[in-house]
C-alpha atoms as a PDB file:
ATOM      1  CA  MET A   1     121.351  73.498 119.512  1.00  0.00           C
ATOM      2  CA  LYS A   2     124.044  76.083 118.982  1.00  0.00           C
ATOM      3  CA  GLU A   3     121.366  78.631 118.095  1.00  0.00           C
ATOM      4  CA  LEU A   4     119.348  77.707 121.181  1.00  0.00           C
ATOM      5  CA  VAL A   5     122.262  78.373 123.530  1.00  0.00           C
ATOM      6  CA  GLU A   6     123.072  81.603 121.698  1.00  0.00           C
ATOM      7  CA  ILE A   7     119.486  82.905 121.987  1.00  0.00           C
ATOM      8  CA  LEU A   8     119.287  82.032 125.686  1.00  0.00           C
ATOM      9  CA  ALA A   9     122.642  83.627 126.476  1.00  0.00           C
ATOM     10  CA  LYS A  10     121.924  86.822 124.529  1.00  0.00           C
ATOM     11  CA  ALA A  11     118.656  87.242 126.429  1.00  0.00           C
ATOM     12  CA  LEU A  12     120.488  87.070 129.768  1.00  0.00           C
ATOM     13  CA  VAL A  13     123.517  89.329 129.273  1.00  0.00           C
ATOM     14  CA  ASP A  14     124.048  93.090 129.030  1.00  0.00           C
ATOM     15  CA  GLN A  15     126.474  92.800 126.096  1.00  0.00           C
ATOM     16  CA  PRO A  16     124.857  90.381 123.623  1.00  0.00           C
ATOM     17  CA  GLU A  17     127.347  91.252 120.885  1.00  0.00           C
ATOM     18  CA  LYS A  18     130.113  89.553 122.915  1.00  0.00           C
ATOM     19  CA  VAL A  19     128.310  86.208 123.144  1.00  0.00           C
ATOM     20  CA  ASN A  20     130.232  83.513 121.284  1.00  0.00           C
ATOM     21  CA  VAL A  21     129.055  79.910 120.962  1.00  0.00           C
ATOM     22  CA  HIS A  22     131.363  77.228 119.571  1.00  0.00           C
ATOM     23  CA  LEU A  23     130.207  73.681 118.797  1.00  0.00           C
ATOM     24  CA  VAL A  24     132.599  70.731 118.989  1.00  0.00           C
ATOM     25  CA  GLU A  25     131.078  67.497 117.715  1.00  0.00           C
ATOM     26  CA  LYS A  26     132.667  64.246 118.814  1.00  0.00           C
ATOM     27  CA  GLU A  27     131.784  60.626 118.146  1.00  0.00           C
ATOM     28  CA  LYS A  28     129.183  60.152 120.888  1.00  0.00           C
ATOM     29  CA  SER A  29     128.856  63.641 122.301  1.00  0.00           C
ATOM     30  CA  ILE A  30     128.530  67.304 121.446  1.00  0.00           C
ATOM     31  CA  VAL A  31     130.346  69.989 123.443  1.00  0.00           C
ATOM     32  CA  ILE A  32     128.915  73.499 123.287  1.00  0.00           C
ATOM     33  CA  GLU A  33     131.320  76.177 124.527  1.00  0.00           C
ATOM     34  CA  LEU A  34     129.707  79.436 125.610  1.00  0.00           C
ATOM     35  CA  LYS A  35     131.835  82.569 125.942  1.00  0.00           C
ATOM     36  CA  VAL A  36     130.471  85.854 127.252  1.00  0.00           C
ATOM     37  CA  ALA A  37     131.968  89.138 128.422  1.00  0.00           C
ATOM     38  CA  GLN A  38     133.749  89.013 131.780  1.00  0.00           C
ATOM     39  CA  GLU A  39     131.098  91.249 133.366  1.00  0.00           C
ATOM     40  CA  ASP A  40     128.278  88.920 132.249  1.00  0.00           C
ATOM     41  CA  ILE A  41     129.602  85.599 133.519  1.00  0.00           C
ATOM     42  CA  GLY A  42     127.673  85.904 136.769  1.00  0.00           C
ATOM     43  CA  LYS A  43     124.432  86.492 134.893  1.00  0.00           C
ATOM     44  CA  VAL A  44     124.896  83.346 132.814  1.00  0.00           C
ATOM     45  CA  ILE A  45     125.872  81.193 135.794  1.00  0.00           C
ATOM     46  CA  GLY A  46     123.356  82.604 138.284  1.00  0.00           C
ATOM     47  CA  LYS A  47     123.178  82.133 142.032  1.00  0.00           C
ATOM     48  CA  GLN A  48     124.543  78.720 142.964  1.00  0.00           C
ATOM     49  CA  GLY A  49     124.645  77.831 139.251  1.00  0.00           C
ATOM     50  CA  ARG A  50     120.876  77.751 138.817  1.00  0.00           C
ATOM     51  CA  ILE A  51     120.747  79.533 135.456  1.00  0.00           C
ATOM     52  CA  ALA A  52     123.620  77.454 134.053  1.00  0.00           C
ATOM     53  CA  ARG A  53     121.849  74.294 135.217  1.00  0.00           C
ATOM     54  CA  ALA A  54     118.610  75.457 133.580  1.00  0.00           C
ATOM     55  CA  ILE A  55     120.407  76.147 130.280  1.00  0.00           C
ATOM     56  CA  ARG A  56     121.959  72.668 130.391  1.00  0.00           C
ATOM     57  CA  THR A  57     118.560  71.095 131.105  1.00  0.00           C
ATOM     58  CA  VAL A  58     116.905  72.834 128.153  1.00  0.00           C
ATOM     59  CA  VAL A  59     119.744  71.838 125.813  1.00  0.00           C
ATOM     60  CA  LYS A  60     119.646  68.213 126.986  1.00  0.00           C
ATOM     61  CA  ALA A  61     115.911  68.110 126.326  1.00  0.00           C
ATOM     62  CA  ALA A  62     116.473  69.484 122.821  1.00  0.00           C
ATOM     63  CA  ALA A  63     119.288  66.970 122.223  1.00  0.00           C
ATOM     64  CA  THR A  64     117.145  63.886 122.682  1.00  0.00           C
ATOM     65  CA  LYS A  65     116.418  63.948 118.938  1.00  0.00           C
ATOM     66  CA  HIS A  66     120.101  63.578 118.076  1.00  0.00           C
ATOM     67  CA  LYS A  67     120.662  60.701 120.520  1.00  0.00           C
ATOM     68  CA  LYS A  68     123.981  62.177 121.608  1.00  0.00           C
ATOM     69  CA  ARG A  69     125.242  63.402 124.933  1.00  0.00           C
ATOM     70  CA  VAL A  70     125.425  67.193 125.097  1.00  0.00           C
ATOM     71  CA  LEU A  71     127.686  69.186 127.392  1.00  0.00           C
ATOM     72  CA  VAL A  72     127.441  72.947 127.836  1.00  0.00           C
ATOM     73  CA  GLU A  73     130.642  74.568 129.082  1.00  0.00           C
ATOM     74  CA  ILE A  74     130.808  78.202 130.130  1.00  0.00           C
ATOM     75  CA  VAL A  75     134.279  79.453 129.308  1.00  0.00           C
END
């Protein structure tokens, strides 16, 4: 899932080398922290959060195999 978020984020931003994805695995959940360059935050979030919501939806669909709750945080 970490790779999925990284691929999606790199496709959206102007500075793909500054994309950093960190995975924190807890007992019943997985937290994926996405960091991008300051100039690219708007591109990852999108108007009214639509792109961020779409990224979260895709990751949740991919996480059904692991039977854990997945949270994507944009830092």
